[in-house]
Amino acid sequence: MQDEIIWILTVMSLCLNILNNLLNLLPKLPKKRKNDKQIIIM
């Protein structure tokens, strides 16, 4: 179980990093940045 949880967390962190990189490439959408930050907090 622990190995699966660690793997899932690793994949999720990679996905978040990719999303952050995409958002950094799209500075024209400040509203979406705020929404994504709220989702990450949740």
C-alpha atoms as a PDB file:
ATOM      1  CA  MET A   1       0.000   0.000   0.000  1.00  0.00           C
ATOM      2  CA  GLN A   2       2.697   2.500   0.931  1.00  0.00           C
ATOM      3  CA  ASP A   3       4.544   1.936  -2.336  1.00  0.00           C
ATOM      4  CA  GLU A   4       1.349   2.609  -4.296  1.00  0.00           C
ATOM      5  CA  ILE A   5       0.676   5.803  -2.339  1.00  0.00           C
ATOM      6  CA  ILE A   6       4.226   7.044  -2.913  1.00  0.00           C
ATOM      7  CA  TRP A   7       3.918   6.291  -6.641  1.00  0.00           C
ATOM      8  CA  ILE A   8       0.584   8.136  -6.874  1.00  0.00           C
ATOM      9  CA  LEU A   9       2.009  11.153  -5.038  1.00  0.00           C
ATOM     10  CA  THR A  10       5.015  11.186  -7.354  1.00  0.00           C
ATOM     11  CA  VAL A  11       2.812  11.112 -10.456  1.00  0.00           C
ATOM     12  CA  MET A  12       0.580  13.852  -9.039  1.00  0.00           C
ATOM     13  CA  SER A  13       3.575  16.051  -8.247  1.00  0.00           C
ATOM     14  CA  LEU A  14       4.876  15.576 -11.796  1.00  0.00           C
ATOM     15  CA  CYS A  15       1.460  16.525 -13.212  1.00  0.00           C
ATOM     16  CA  LEU A  16       1.376  19.643 -11.020  1.00  0.00           C
ATOM     17  CA  ASN A  17       4.844  20.617 -12.194  1.00  0.00           C
ATOM     18  CA  ILE A  18       3.753  20.259 -15.823  1.00  0.00           C
ATOM     19  CA  LEU A  19       0.628  22.344 -15.169  1.00  0.00           C
ATOM     20  CA  ASN A  20       2.717  25.037 -13.478  1.00  0.00           C
ATOM     21  CA  ASN A  21       5.098  25.109 -16.438  1.00  0.00           C
ATOM     22  CA  LEU A  22       2.175  25.479 -18.856  1.00  0.00           C
ATOM     23  CA  LEU A  23       0.717  28.292 -16.760  1.00  0.00           C
ATOM     24  CA  ASN A  24       4.077  30.054 -16.719  1.00  0.00           C
ATOM     25  CA  LEU A  25       4.048  29.910 -20.519  1.00  0.00           C
ATOM     26  CA  LEU A  26       0.577  31.492 -20.538  1.00  0.00           C
ATOM     27  CA  PRO A  27       0.884  34.769 -18.568  1.00  0.00           C
ATOM     28  CA  LYS A  28      -2.162  36.067 -20.456  1.00  0.00           C
ATOM     29  CA  LEU A  29      -4.456  34.002 -18.186  1.00  0.00           C
ATOM     30  CA  PRO A  30      -4.027  35.344 -14.615  1.00  0.00           C
ATOM     31  CA  LYS A  31      -7.531  34.230 -13.599  1.00  0.00           C
ATOM     32  CA  LYS A  32      -6.786  30.570 -14.352  1.00  0.00           C
ATOM     33  CA  ARG A  33      -3.588  30.798 -12.286  1.00  0.00           C
ATOM     34  CA  LYS A  34      -5.572  31.862  -9.219  1.00  0.00           C
ATOM     35  CA  ASN A  35      -8.082  29.051  -9.746  1.00  0.00           C
ATOM     36  CA  ASP A  36      -5.303  26.461 -10.094  1.00  0.00           C
ATOM     37  CA  LYS A  37      -3.665  27.665  -6.881  1.00  0.00           C
ATOM     38  CA  GLN A  38      -6.968  27.209  -5.058  1.00  0.00           C
ATOM     39  CA  ILE A  39      -7.334  23.687  -6.474  1.00  0.00           C
ATOM     40  CA  ILE A  40      -3.773  22.777  -5.398  1.00  0.00           C
ATOM     41  CA  ILE A  41      -4.521  23.977  -1.851  1.00  0.00           C
ATOM     42  CA  MET A  42      -7.586  21.709  -1.759  1.00  0.00           C
END
